[in-house]
């Protein structure tokens, strides 16, 4: 009888563990590969590559953590050599927002919105647009402490010189080594249509970042 009770309790407990909301965490990460590609539609595209670093976090709010706050700071630098010269761009971005997550039958689903501020210096040309992003996210546990996740969203930025908008995608995975320490790797791709307000030709800009980091869970 005791064995049967234990089996019943284990069966009942398994779904609740699989369906739990994502834990709160703070991440510090290195970006071993970062790329910025710009194309003005004339066939004269330029792709710069480099690296960077960042810190981000998610804090559950409320009794069951259905609501959450998020924040991120990321800095990258890319360059490309042309003959005896080099073209360089530096890009810093700050994100702050919040959303709502719910347990699903196979993982966790979430939607969130964020304020985005960007500071980009491209060979002396400075752009400082800000705006918002709206995203949907799914996370799937594939084994105890191992999760896969992906999200899709829309980003809109503007300042006095440019208007930029387009889709943003992210896919990644995480592993928890202990209840409080883990690691993650993900890839984020942002594809923006840039409209210049001062007579320059419109262009398509793409930002790619591979992020590898350590995670503190709470």
N, C-alpha and C. Protein backbone atom coordinates (compact mmCIF):
# COMPACT_ATOMS: atom_id res chain seq x y z
N UNK A 1 0.83 -1.21 0.00
CA UNK A 1 0.00 0.00 0.00
C UNK A 1 0.86 1.26 0.00
N UNK A 2 1.93 1.26 0.79
CA UNK A 2 2.81 2.42 0.84
C UNK A 2 3.47 2.67 -0.50
N UNK A 3 3.87 1.57 -1.19
CA UNK A 3 4.49 1.70 -2.51
C UNK A 3 3.51 2.30 -3.49
N UNK A 4 2.24 1.86 -3.44
CA UNK A 4 1.24 2.40 -4.36
C UNK A 4 1.01 3.88 -4.11
N UNK A 5 0.99 4.26 -2.85
CA UNK A 5 0.80 5.67 -2.53
C UNK A 5 1.96 6.52 -3.05
N UNK A 6 3.18 5.99 -2.89
CA UNK A 6 4.34 6.73 -3.38
C UNK A 6 4.29 6.90 -4.90
N UNK A 7 3.89 5.85 -5.61
CA UNK A 7 3.79 5.93 -7.07
C UNK A 7 2.73 6.94 -7.49
N UNK A 8 1.59 6.95 -6.77
CA UNK A 8 0.54 7.90 -7.09
C UNK A 8 1.00 9.34 -6.85
N UNK A 9 1.71 9.56 -5.74
CA UNK A 9 2.22 10.90 -5.46
C UNK A 9 3.24 11.34 -6.49
N UNK A 10 4.10 10.43 -6.92
CA UNK A 10 5.10 10.77 -7.94
C UNK A 10 4.44 11.12 -9.26
N UNK A 11 3.37 10.37 -9.61
CA UNK A 11 2.65 10.64 -10.84
C UNK A 11 1.99 12.01 -10.82
N UNK A 12 1.40 12.34 -9.66
CA UNK A 12 0.75 13.64 -9.53
C UNK A 12 1.75 14.79 -9.51
N UNK A 13 2.93 14.54 -8.94
CA UNK A 13 3.93 15.61 -8.82
C UNK A 13 4.64 15.89 -10.12
N UNK A 14 4.79 14.91 -10.99
CA UNK A 14 5.55 15.09 -12.23
C UNK A 14 5.00 16.18 -13.12
N UNK A 15 3.67 16.21 -13.41
CA UNK A 15 3.18 17.29 -14.25
C UNK A 15 3.40 18.66 -13.65
N UNK A 16 3.20 18.81 -12.33
CA UNK A 16 3.37 20.12 -11.73
C UNK A 16 4.80 20.62 -11.87
N UNK A 17 5.79 19.71 -11.81
CA UNK A 17 7.19 20.12 -12.00
C UNK A 17 7.43 20.54 -13.44
N UNK A 18 6.85 19.79 -14.40
CA UNK A 18 7.06 20.09 -15.81
C UNK A 18 6.34 21.37 -16.22
N UNK A 19 5.23 21.68 -15.52
CA UNK A 19 4.42 22.82 -15.93
C UNK A 19 4.75 24.09 -15.15
N UNK A 20 5.80 24.09 -14.35
CA UNK A 20 6.11 25.25 -13.53
C UNK A 20 6.55 26.42 -14.39
N UNK A 21 6.31 27.64 -13.88
CA UNK A 21 6.80 28.84 -14.56
C UNK A 21 8.32 28.90 -14.51
N UNK A 22 8.90 29.70 -15.41
CA UNK A 22 10.35 29.87 -15.40
C UNK A 22 10.80 30.55 -14.12
N UNK A 23 11.94 30.10 -13.59
CA UNK A 23 12.50 30.69 -12.38
C UNK A 23 13.09 32.07 -12.65
N UNK A 24 13.19 32.86 -11.58
CA UNK A 24 13.91 34.10 -11.69
C UNK A 24 15.40 33.84 -11.85
N UNK A 25 16.09 34.71 -12.56
CA UNK A 25 17.51 34.51 -12.78
C UNK A 25 18.20 35.83 -13.16
N UNK A 26 19.50 35.86 -12.93
CA UNK A 26 20.37 36.95 -13.38
C UNK A 26 21.51 36.32 -14.18
N UNK A 27 21.75 36.83 -15.38
CA UNK A 27 22.74 36.25 -16.29
C UNK A 27 23.85 37.25 -16.60
N UNK A 28 25.07 36.77 -16.59
CA UNK A 28 26.20 37.51 -17.13
C UNK A 28 26.72 36.74 -18.33
N UNK A 29 26.95 37.40 -19.46
CA UNK A 29 27.28 36.63 -20.65
C UNK A 29 28.32 37.32 -21.54
N UNK A 30 28.98 36.47 -22.31
CA UNK A 30 29.94 36.89 -23.33
C UNK A 30 29.32 36.61 -24.69
N UNK A 31 29.60 37.47 -25.66
CA UNK A 31 29.10 37.30 -27.03
C UNK A 31 30.29 36.95 -27.92
N UNK A 32 30.53 35.65 -28.18
CA UNK A 32 31.69 35.28 -28.99
C UNK A 32 31.54 35.65 -30.47
N UNK A 33 30.29 35.81 -30.92
CA UNK A 33 30.07 36.20 -32.32
C UNK A 33 28.95 37.22 -32.37
N UNK A 34 29.25 38.38 -32.94
CA UNK A 34 28.26 39.43 -33.15
C UNK A 34 28.45 39.97 -34.57
N UNK A 35 27.37 40.15 -35.29
CA UNK A 35 27.46 40.63 -36.66
C UNK A 35 26.44 41.75 -36.90
N UNK A 36 26.86 42.73 -37.68
CA UNK A 36 25.99 43.81 -38.14
C UNK A 36 26.10 43.87 -39.65
N UNK A 37 24.96 43.71 -40.34
CA UNK A 37 24.94 43.71 -41.80
C UNK A 37 23.97 44.78 -42.28
N UNK A 38 24.44 45.64 -43.18
CA UNK A 38 23.60 46.70 -43.73
C UNK A 38 23.57 46.61 -45.25
N UNK A 39 22.40 46.81 -45.83
CA UNK A 39 22.20 46.70 -47.27
C UNK A 39 21.25 47.81 -47.71
N UNK A 40 21.72 48.68 -48.62
CA UNK A 40 20.88 49.80 -49.07
C UNK A 40 20.05 49.45 -50.30
N UNK A 41 20.05 48.17 -50.70
CA UNK A 41 19.24 47.74 -51.83
C UNK A 41 19.90 47.87 -53.18
N UNK A 42 21.11 48.40 -53.23
CA UNK A 42 21.82 48.57 -54.50
C UNK A 42 22.82 47.45 -54.76
N UNK A 43 22.84 46.47 -53.87
CA UNK A 43 23.80 45.37 -54.00
C UNK A 43 25.10 45.65 -53.28
N UNK A 44 25.22 46.82 -52.68
CA UNK A 44 26.43 47.20 -51.96
C UNK A 44 26.24 46.97 -50.46
N UNK A 45 26.21 45.70 -50.06
CA UNK A 45 25.99 45.37 -48.65
C UNK A 45 27.33 45.25 -47.93
N UNK A 46 27.32 45.52 -46.63
CA UNK A 46 28.50 45.45 -45.79
C UNK A 46 28.17 44.63 -44.55
N UNK A 47 29.05 43.70 -44.20
CA UNK A 47 28.85 42.88 -43.01
C UNK A 47 30.07 43.03 -42.11
N UNK A 48 29.85 43.49 -40.89
CA UNK A 48 30.90 43.66 -39.90
C UNK A 48 30.71 42.61 -38.80
N UNK A 49 31.83 42.09 -38.27
CA UNK A 49 31.75 41.04 -37.26
C UNK A 49 32.63 41.40 -36.05
N UNK A 50 32.22 40.91 -34.88
CA UNK A 50 32.98 41.19 -33.68
C UNK A 50 32.48 40.38 -32.50
N UNK A 51 32.53 40.99 -31.31
CA UNK A 51 32.09 40.30 -30.10
C UNK A 51 31.53 41.33 -29.13
N UNK A 52 31.25 40.89 -27.89
CA UNK A 52 30.68 41.81 -26.92
C UNK A 52 30.38 41.12 -25.60
N UNK A 53 29.57 41.76 -24.79
CA UNK A 53 29.22 41.22 -23.48
C UNK A 53 27.88 41.80 -23.05
N UNK A 54 27.31 41.25 -21.98
CA UNK A 54 26.04 41.77 -21.50
C UNK A 54 25.65 41.19 -20.16
N UNK A 55 24.59 41.74 -19.60
CA UNK A 55 23.99 41.24 -18.37
C UNK A 55 22.48 41.38 -18.52
N UNK A 56 21.72 40.40 -18.06
CA UNK A 56 20.27 40.45 -18.16
C UNK A 56 19.66 39.68 -17.00
N UNK A 57 18.37 39.88 -16.80
CA UNK A 57 17.72 39.19 -15.70
C UNK A 57 16.22 39.16 -15.84
N UNK A 58 15.58 38.23 -15.12
CA UNK A 58 14.14 38.10 -15.05
C UNK A 58 13.74 37.90 -13.59
N UNK A 59 12.80 38.71 -13.12
CA UNK A 59 12.35 38.65 -11.73
C UNK A 59 10.86 38.33 -11.69
N UNK A 60 10.46 37.15 -11.20
CA UNK A 60 9.03 36.83 -11.07
C UNK A 60 8.37 37.74 -10.04
N UNK A 61 7.13 38.08 -10.30
CA UNK A 61 6.36 38.94 -9.40
C UNK A 61 5.06 38.25 -9.03
N UNK A 62 4.58 38.48 -7.82
CA UNK A 62 3.33 37.88 -7.39
C UNK A 62 3.53 36.53 -6.75
N UNK A 63 2.43 35.95 -6.28
CA UNK A 63 2.47 34.71 -5.50
C UNK A 63 3.03 33.54 -6.30
N UNK A 64 2.57 33.34 -7.53
CA UNK A 64 3.01 32.21 -8.34
C UNK A 64 3.98 32.62 -9.44
N UNK A 65 4.38 33.86 -9.46
CA UNK A 65 5.34 34.30 -10.46
C UNK A 65 4.79 34.41 -11.86
N UNK A 66 3.46 34.57 -12.00
CA UNK A 66 2.90 34.70 -13.34
C UNK A 66 3.31 36.00 -14.01
N UNK A 67 3.43 37.05 -13.24
CA UNK A 67 3.95 38.31 -13.78
C UNK A 67 5.46 38.36 -13.55
N UNK A 68 6.16 39.06 -14.42
CA UNK A 68 7.61 39.16 -14.26
C UNK A 68 8.13 40.46 -14.84
N UNK A 69 9.28 40.89 -14.33
CA UNK A 69 10.00 42.05 -14.86
C UNK A 69 11.30 41.57 -15.49
N UNK A 70 11.73 42.24 -16.55
CA UNK A 70 12.97 41.87 -17.24
C UNK A 70 13.82 43.12 -17.47
N UNK A 71 15.11 42.91 -17.58
CA UNK A 71 16.04 43.98 -17.89
C UNK A 71 17.27 43.43 -18.59
N UNK A 72 17.90 44.27 -19.41
CA UNK A 72 19.09 43.83 -20.15
C UNK A 72 19.96 45.03 -20.53
N UNK A 73 21.28 44.84 -20.42
CA UNK A 73 22.24 45.77 -21.00
C UNK A 73 23.23 44.95 -21.82
N UNK A 74 23.45 45.36 -23.07
CA UNK A 74 24.35 44.62 -23.95
C UNK A 74 25.20 45.60 -24.75
N UNK A 75 26.48 45.26 -24.92
CA UNK A 75 27.40 46.11 -25.67
C UNK A 75 28.19 45.25 -26.65
N UNK A 76 28.21 45.64 -27.91
CA UNK A 76 28.95 44.90 -28.94
C UNK A 76 29.76 45.87 -29.79
N UNK A 77 30.80 45.32 -30.42
CA UNK A 77 31.63 46.08 -31.34
C UNK A 77 31.97 45.19 -32.53
N UNK A 78 31.78 45.71 -33.75
CA UNK A 78 32.06 44.95 -34.97
C UNK A 78 32.92 45.78 -35.91
N UNK A 79 33.73 45.09 -36.72
CA UNK A 79 34.54 45.81 -37.69
C UNK A 79 34.79 44.94 -38.92
N UNK A 80 35.30 45.57 -39.97
CA UNK A 80 35.66 44.88 -41.20
C UNK A 80 36.78 45.66 -41.87
N UNK A 81 37.79 44.95 -42.34
CA UNK A 81 38.93 45.58 -43.01
C UNK A 81 38.67 45.70 -44.51
N UNK A 82 38.99 46.87 -45.05
CA UNK A 82 38.91 47.13 -46.48
C UNK A 82 40.27 47.65 -46.92
N UNK A 83 41.04 46.78 -47.60
CA UNK A 83 42.38 47.19 -48.01
C UNK A 83 43.24 47.54 -46.82
N UNK A 84 43.71 48.78 -46.75
CA UNK A 84 44.54 49.20 -45.63
C UNK A 84 43.76 49.86 -44.51
N UNK A 85 42.43 49.94 -44.65
CA UNK A 85 41.61 50.59 -43.63
C UNK A 85 40.67 49.62 -42.93
N UNK A 86 39.92 50.15 -41.97
CA UNK A 86 38.98 49.34 -41.21
C UNK A 86 37.75 50.15 -40.88
N UNK A 87 36.59 49.55 -41.07
CA UNK A 87 35.31 50.16 -40.72
C UNK A 87 34.85 49.55 -39.40
N UNK A 88 34.38 50.40 -38.48
CA UNK A 88 34.01 49.94 -37.15
C UNK A 88 32.66 50.50 -36.73
N UNK A 89 31.90 49.70 -35.97
CA UNK A 89 30.67 50.18 -35.37
C UNK A 89 30.57 49.65 -33.94
N UNK A 90 30.09 50.49 -33.04
CA UNK A 90 29.83 50.11 -31.66
C UNK A 90 28.35 50.26 -31.38
N UNK A 91 27.78 49.28 -30.70
CA UNK A 91 26.35 49.28 -30.45
C UNK A 91 26.06 48.90 -29.00
N UNK A 92 25.43 49.80 -28.26
CA UNK A 92 24.97 49.53 -26.91
C UNK A 92 23.45 49.56 -26.90
N UNK A 93 22.85 48.66 -26.15
CA UNK A 93 21.40 48.67 -26.03
C UNK A 93 20.97 48.36 -24.61
N UNK A 94 19.90 49.03 -24.19
CA UNK A 94 19.33 48.85 -22.87
C UNK A 94 17.86 48.49 -23.05
N UNK A 95 17.41 47.45 -22.33
CA UNK A 95 16.03 47.00 -22.42
C UNK A 95 15.45 46.84 -21.02
N UNK A 96 14.18 47.25 -20.87
CA UNK A 96 13.50 47.12 -19.58
C UNK A 96 12.01 46.92 -19.84
N UNK A 97 11.42 45.90 -19.21
CA UNK A 97 10.01 45.65 -19.46
C UNK A 97 9.41 44.65 -18.50
N UNK A 98 8.30 44.08 -18.91
CA UNK A 98 7.61 43.11 -18.08
C UNK A 98 6.58 42.35 -18.88
N UNK A 99 6.09 41.26 -18.29
CA UNK A 99 5.13 40.44 -19.01
C UNK A 99 4.40 39.47 -18.11
N UNK A 100 3.82 38.46 -18.74
CA UNK A 100 2.98 37.49 -18.06
C UNK A 100 3.33 36.11 -18.59
N UNK A 101 3.50 35.13 -17.70
CA UNK A 101 3.80 33.76 -18.09
C UNK A 101 2.81 32.80 -17.43
N UNK A 102 2.54 31.69 -18.13
CA UNK A 102 1.62 30.68 -17.62
C UNK A 102 2.19 29.30 -17.92
N UNK A 103 1.99 28.33 -17.01
CA UNK A 103 2.38 26.95 -17.30
C UNK A 103 1.50 26.36 -18.40
N UNK A 104 2.12 25.61 -19.30
CA UNK A 104 1.41 24.90 -20.35
C UNK A 104 1.61 23.40 -20.17
N UNK A 105 0.91 22.62 -20.96
CA UNK A 105 1.01 21.16 -20.82
C UNK A 105 2.41 20.65 -21.08
N UNK A 106 3.18 21.35 -21.91
CA UNK A 106 4.52 20.88 -22.26
C UNK A 106 5.61 21.87 -21.88
N UNK A 107 5.30 22.91 -21.12
CA UNK A 107 6.32 23.88 -20.77
C UNK A 107 5.72 25.15 -20.24
N UNK A 108 6.24 26.29 -20.70
CA UNK A 108 5.78 27.60 -20.24
C UNK A 108 5.61 28.52 -21.43
N UNK A 109 4.51 29.28 -21.43
CA UNK A 109 4.29 30.29 -22.45
C UNK A 109 4.30 31.67 -21.82
N UNK A 110 4.83 32.65 -22.54
CA UNK A 110 4.93 34.00 -21.99
C UNK A 110 4.78 35.04 -23.09
N UNK A 111 4.24 36.19 -22.72
CA UNK A 111 4.22 37.37 -23.59
C UNK A 111 4.77 38.53 -22.77
N UNK A 112 5.53 39.42 -23.43
CA UNK A 112 6.06 40.55 -22.70
C UNK A 112 6.34 41.72 -23.64
N UNK A 113 6.38 42.90 -23.05
CA UNK A 113 6.71 44.12 -23.78
C UNK A 113 7.89 44.77 -23.08
N UNK A 114 8.69 45.50 -23.85
CA UNK A 114 9.88 46.13 -23.28
C UNK A 114 10.18 47.46 -23.95
N UNK A 115 10.74 48.36 -23.17
CA UNK A 115 11.30 49.60 -23.69
C UNK A 115 12.72 49.31 -24.15
N UNK A 116 13.12 49.82 -25.33
CA UNK A 116 14.45 49.58 -25.89
C UNK A 116 15.10 50.91 -26.21
N UNK A 117 16.34 51.08 -25.75
CA UNK A 117 17.13 52.25 -26.08
C UNK A 117 18.43 51.79 -26.72
N UNK A 118 18.75 52.34 -27.89
CA UNK A 118 19.93 51.93 -28.66
C UNK A 118 20.85 53.12 -28.86
N UNK A 119 22.14 52.87 -28.73
CA UNK A 119 23.17 53.89 -28.98
C UNK A 119 24.20 53.28 -29.93
N UNK A 120 24.18 53.69 -31.20
CA UNK A 120 25.08 53.12 -32.20
C UNK A 120 25.97 54.21 -32.80
N UNK A 121 27.26 53.91 -32.88
CA UNK A 121 28.25 54.79 -33.50
C UNK A 121 28.84 54.06 -34.69
N UNK A 122 28.52 54.51 -35.90
CA UNK A 122 29.03 53.89 -37.11
C UNK A 122 29.95 54.87 -37.82
N UNK A 123 31.26 54.73 -37.57
CA UNK A 123 32.27 55.59 -38.20
C UNK A 123 31.94 57.08 -38.03
N UNK A 124 31.61 57.46 -36.80
CA UNK A 124 31.33 58.86 -36.52
C UNK A 124 29.88 59.27 -36.68
N UNK A 125 29.07 58.43 -37.35
CA UNK A 125 27.63 58.70 -37.46
C UNK A 125 26.95 58.10 -36.24
N UNK A 126 26.28 58.93 -35.45
CA UNK A 126 25.65 58.46 -34.23
C UNK A 126 24.14 58.37 -34.40
N UNK A 127 23.58 57.25 -33.93
CA UNK A 127 22.15 57.05 -33.93
C UNK A 127 21.74 56.63 -32.52
N UNK A 128 20.71 57.28 -31.99
CA UNK A 128 20.26 56.98 -30.64
C UNK A 128 18.74 56.80 -30.61
N UNK A 129 18.22 55.86 -31.35
CA UNK A 129 16.77 55.64 -31.35
C UNK A 129 16.32 54.89 -30.10
N UNK A 130 15.06 55.05 -29.77
CA UNK A 130 14.46 54.22 -28.74
C UNK A 130 13.05 53.86 -29.19
N UNK A 131 12.44 52.95 -28.45
CA UNK A 131 11.11 52.49 -28.84
C UNK A 131 10.70 51.30 -27.99
N UNK A 132 10.09 50.31 -28.63
CA UNK A 132 9.55 49.19 -27.87
C UNK A 132 9.70 47.88 -28.63
N UNK A 133 9.56 46.80 -27.90
CA UNK A 133 9.50 45.47 -28.47
C UNK A 133 8.36 44.69 -27.83
N UNK A 134 7.69 43.85 -28.62
CA UNK A 134 6.63 42.97 -28.12
C UNK A 134 6.98 41.56 -28.55
N UNK A 135 6.95 40.59 -27.60
CA UNK A 135 7.46 39.26 -27.87
C UNK A 135 6.56 38.18 -27.28
N UNK A 136 6.57 37.02 -27.94
CA UNK A 136 5.95 35.82 -27.41
C UNK A 136 7.03 34.75 -27.25
N UNK A 137 6.95 33.98 -26.17
CA UNK A 137 8.03 33.05 -25.83
C UNK A 137 7.46 31.71 -25.38
N UNK A 138 8.11 30.62 -25.78
CA UNK A 138 7.78 29.27 -25.34
C UNK A 138 9.04 28.61 -24.80
N UNK A 139 8.90 27.91 -23.66
CA UNK A 139 10.02 27.21 -23.04
C UNK A 139 9.60 25.77 -22.78
N UNK A 140 10.50 24.81 -23.12
CA UNK A 140 10.18 23.39 -23.00
C UNK A 140 11.26 22.67 -22.20
N UNK A 141 10.92 22.03 -21.07
CA UNK A 141 11.90 21.19 -20.37
C UNK A 141 12.06 19.86 -21.11
N UNK A 142 13.29 19.50 -21.47
CA UNK A 142 13.52 18.24 -22.17
C UNK A 142 14.07 17.17 -21.23
N UNK A 143 14.55 17.58 -20.07
CA UNK A 143 14.97 16.68 -19.01
C UNK A 143 15.13 17.52 -17.75
N UNK A 144 15.26 16.93 -16.57
CA UNK A 144 15.38 17.72 -15.35
C UNK A 144 16.56 18.71 -15.43
N UNK A 145 16.24 19.99 -15.32
CA UNK A 145 17.28 21.01 -15.34
C UNK A 145 17.74 21.45 -16.71
N UNK A 146 17.16 20.91 -17.78
CA UNK A 146 17.56 21.26 -19.15
C UNK A 146 16.33 21.79 -19.89
N UNK A 147 16.45 22.99 -20.45
CA UNK A 147 15.32 23.62 -21.13
C UNK A 147 15.73 24.15 -22.50
N UNK A 148 14.80 24.05 -23.45
CA UNK A 148 14.91 24.70 -24.74
C UNK A 148 13.87 25.81 -24.79
N UNK A 149 14.20 26.92 -25.47
CA UNK A 149 13.24 28.01 -25.55
C UNK A 149 13.40 28.75 -26.87
N UNK A 150 12.33 29.40 -27.27
CA UNK A 150 12.35 30.21 -28.48
C UNK A 150 11.32 31.32 -28.37
N UNK A 151 11.56 32.40 -29.10
CA UNK A 151 10.61 33.50 -29.07
C UNK A 151 10.64 34.25 -30.39
N UNK A 152 9.55 34.93 -30.66
CA UNK A 152 9.42 35.76 -31.85
C UNK A 152 8.77 37.06 -31.43
N UNK A 153 9.20 38.17 -32.03
CA UNK A 153 8.66 39.45 -31.63
C UNK A 153 8.77 40.49 -32.71
N UNK A 154 8.37 41.70 -32.34
CA UNK A 154 8.39 42.85 -33.25
C UNK A 154 9.04 44.01 -32.51
N UNK A 155 9.97 44.70 -33.19
CA UNK A 155 10.71 45.81 -32.61
C UNK A 155 10.46 47.07 -33.44
N UNK A 156 10.20 48.20 -32.75
CA UNK A 156 10.01 49.48 -33.43
C UNK A 156 10.82 50.54 -32.71
N UNK A 157 11.71 51.24 -33.44
CA UNK A 157 12.60 52.25 -32.88
C UNK A 157 12.57 53.51 -33.75
N UNK A 158 12.82 54.66 -33.14
CA UNK A 158 12.87 55.90 -33.91
C UNK A 158 13.60 56.99 -33.14
N UNK A 159 14.14 57.96 -33.89
CA UNK A 159 14.64 59.21 -33.33
C UNK A 159 14.41 60.29 -34.39
N UNK A 160 15.09 61.41 -34.29
CA UNK A 160 14.86 62.46 -35.26
C UNK A 160 15.38 62.16 -36.65
N UNK A 161 16.27 61.16 -36.76
CA UNK A 161 16.92 60.87 -38.04
C UNK A 161 16.38 59.62 -38.73
N UNK A 162 15.97 58.61 -37.96
CA UNK A 162 15.56 57.35 -38.56
C UNK A 162 14.31 56.80 -37.90
N UNK A 163 13.61 55.95 -38.65
CA UNK A 163 12.55 55.08 -38.14
C UNK A 163 12.94 53.66 -38.51
N UNK A 164 12.89 52.75 -37.55
CA UNK A 164 13.33 51.38 -37.78
C UNK A 164 12.32 50.42 -37.16
N UNK A 165 11.97 49.38 -37.90
CA UNK A 165 11.06 48.38 -37.35
C UNK A 165 11.25 47.07 -38.09
N UNK A 166 10.87 45.98 -37.42
CA UNK A 166 10.98 44.67 -38.03
C UNK A 166 10.92 43.55 -37.01
N UNK A 167 11.01 42.30 -37.46
CA UNK A 167 10.90 41.16 -36.56
C UNK A 167 12.20 40.87 -35.81
N UNK A 168 12.04 40.20 -34.67
CA UNK A 168 13.19 39.74 -33.89
C UNK A 168 12.94 38.31 -33.46
N UNK A 169 13.97 37.46 -33.59
CA UNK A 169 13.85 36.04 -33.26
C UNK A 169 14.94 35.65 -32.26
N UNK A 170 14.62 34.68 -31.42
CA UNK A 170 15.60 34.17 -30.46
C UNK A 170 15.34 32.68 -30.23
N UNK A 171 16.42 31.90 -30.18
CA UNK A 171 16.33 30.48 -29.86
C UNK A 171 17.51 30.11 -28.99
N UNK A 172 17.29 29.23 -28.00
CA UNK A 172 18.39 28.90 -27.11
C UNK A 172 18.07 27.74 -26.20
N UNK A 173 18.98 27.50 -25.27
CA UNK A 173 18.82 26.43 -24.30
C UNK A 173 19.57 26.77 -23.03
N UNK A 174 19.13 26.16 -21.92
CA UNK A 174 19.78 26.40 -20.63
C UNK A 174 19.89 25.09 -19.87
N UNK A 175 20.84 25.05 -18.95
CA UNK A 175 21.02 23.88 -18.09
C UNK A 175 21.28 24.37 -16.67
N UNK A 176 20.65 23.73 -15.70
CA UNK A 176 20.84 24.06 -14.29
C UNK A 176 21.78 23.02 -13.67
N UNK A 177 22.97 23.46 -13.25
CA UNK A 177 23.91 22.55 -12.63
C UNK A 177 23.54 22.25 -11.19
N UNK A 178 23.01 23.26 -10.50
CA UNK A 178 22.53 23.13 -9.13
C UNK A 178 21.23 23.93 -9.06
N UNK A 179 20.51 23.90 -7.93
CA UNK A 179 19.30 24.72 -7.83
C UNK A 179 19.55 26.22 -7.98
N UNK A 180 20.80 26.67 -7.86
CA UNK A 180 21.08 28.10 -7.90
C UNK A 180 22.06 28.53 -8.98
N UNK A 181 22.71 27.59 -9.66
CA UNK A 181 23.72 27.93 -10.67
C UNK A 181 23.40 27.20 -11.97
N UNK A 182 23.48 27.92 -13.09
CA UNK A 182 23.24 27.32 -14.39
C UNK A 182 24.03 28.03 -15.47
N UNK A 183 23.74 27.67 -16.72
CA UNK A 183 24.38 28.28 -17.88
C UNK A 183 23.39 28.28 -19.03
N UNK A 184 23.66 29.10 -20.03
CA UNK A 184 22.77 29.16 -21.18
C UNK A 184 23.56 29.54 -22.43
N UNK A 185 22.96 29.25 -23.58
CA UNK A 185 23.46 29.72 -24.86
C UNK A 185 22.26 30.04 -25.73
N UNK A 186 22.30 31.18 -26.41
CA UNK A 186 21.20 31.50 -27.32
C UNK A 186 21.69 32.31 -28.50
N UNK A 187 20.81 32.45 -29.48
CA UNK A 187 21.09 33.21 -30.70
C UNK A 187 19.92 34.15 -30.95
N UNK A 188 20.24 35.45 -31.05
CA UNK A 188 19.19 36.45 -31.30
C UNK A 188 19.46 37.15 -32.64
N UNK A 189 18.42 37.28 -33.43
CA UNK A 189 18.52 37.89 -34.76
C UNK A 189 17.45 38.96 -34.89
N UNK A 190 17.88 40.19 -35.17
CA UNK A 190 16.98 41.32 -35.34
C UNK A 190 17.10 41.84 -36.75
N UNK A 191 15.99 41.93 -37.49
CA UNK A 191 15.98 42.32 -38.89
C UNK A 191 15.13 43.58 -39.04
N UNK A 192 15.79 44.73 -39.23
CA UNK A 192 15.10 46.01 -39.22
C UNK A 192 15.13 46.70 -40.59
N UNK A 193 14.01 47.28 -40.95
CA UNK A 193 13.92 48.16 -42.11
C UNK A 193 14.17 49.58 -41.62
N UNK A 194 15.20 50.24 -42.17
CA UNK A 194 15.60 51.57 -41.72
C UNK A 194 15.13 52.62 -42.72
N UNK A 195 14.31 53.55 -42.25
CA UNK A 195 13.86 54.69 -43.06
C UNK A 195 14.55 55.95 -42.55
N UNK A 196 15.39 56.56 -43.41
CA UNK A 196 16.07 57.79 -43.04
C UNK A 196 15.18 59.00 -43.34
N UNK A 197 15.18 59.96 -42.42
CA UNK A 197 14.33 61.14 -42.57
C UNK A 197 15.08 62.35 -43.13
N UNK A 198 16.36 62.13 -43.53
CA UNK A 198 17.16 63.27 -44.00
C UNK A 198 17.67 63.08 -45.42
N UNK A 199 16.99 62.24 -46.20
CA UNK A 199 17.36 62.12 -47.61
C UNK A 199 18.22 60.93 -47.97
N UNK A 200 18.81 60.22 -46.98
CA UNK A 200 19.59 59.04 -47.28
C UNK A 200 18.68 57.93 -47.80
N UNK A 201 19.26 57.02 -48.61
CA UNK A 201 18.48 55.90 -49.12
C UNK A 201 18.13 54.94 -47.98
N UNK A 202 16.91 54.42 -48.01
CA UNK A 202 16.49 53.45 -47.00
C UNK A 202 17.34 52.19 -47.11
N UNK A 203 17.46 51.45 -46.01
CA UNK A 203 18.29 50.26 -46.00
C UNK A 203 17.72 49.21 -45.07
N UNK A 204 18.24 47.99 -45.21
CA UNK A 204 17.90 46.88 -44.33
C UNK A 204 19.11 46.57 -43.46
N UNK A 205 18.90 46.55 -42.14
CA UNK A 205 19.97 46.26 -41.19
C UNK A 205 19.62 44.99 -40.41
N UNK A 206 20.61 44.12 -40.25
CA UNK A 206 20.41 42.87 -39.50
C UNK A 206 21.48 42.77 -38.42
N UNK A 207 21.05 42.36 -37.24
CA UNK A 207 21.94 42.22 -36.08
C UNK A 207 21.86 40.77 -35.60
N UNK A 208 23.01 40.09 -35.53
CA UNK A 208 23.07 38.70 -35.08
C UNK A 208 23.99 38.59 -33.87
N UNK A 209 23.54 37.88 -32.84
CA UNK A 209 24.35 37.74 -31.63
C UNK A 209 24.23 36.33 -31.06
N UNK A 210 25.37 35.67 -30.89
CA UNK A 210 25.43 34.41 -30.14
C UNK A 210 25.88 34.75 -28.72
N UNK A 211 25.09 34.35 -27.73
CA UNK A 211 25.36 34.74 -26.33
C UNK A 211 25.55 33.49 -25.48
N UNK A 212 26.63 33.49 -24.74
CA UNK A 212 27.00 32.35 -23.89
C UNK A 212 27.28 32.86 -22.50
N UNK A 213 26.55 32.33 -21.49
CA UNK A 213 26.72 32.92 -20.17
C UNK A 213 26.42 32.00 -19.01
N UNK A 214 26.67 32.52 -17.83
CA UNK A 214 26.38 31.83 -16.58
C UNK A 214 25.12 32.45 -15.96
N UNK A 215 24.44 31.67 -15.15
CA UNK A 215 23.13 32.07 -14.62
C UNK A 215 23.05 31.81 -13.14
N UNK A 216 22.55 32.80 -12.40
CA UNK A 216 22.25 32.64 -10.97
C UNK A 216 20.72 32.56 -10.85
N UNK A 217 20.21 31.45 -10.31
CA UNK A 217 18.78 31.20 -10.19
C UNK A 217 18.30 31.51 -8.79
N UNK A 218 17.07 31.99 -8.69
CA UNK A 218 16.49 32.25 -7.37
C UNK A 218 14.98 32.06 -7.40
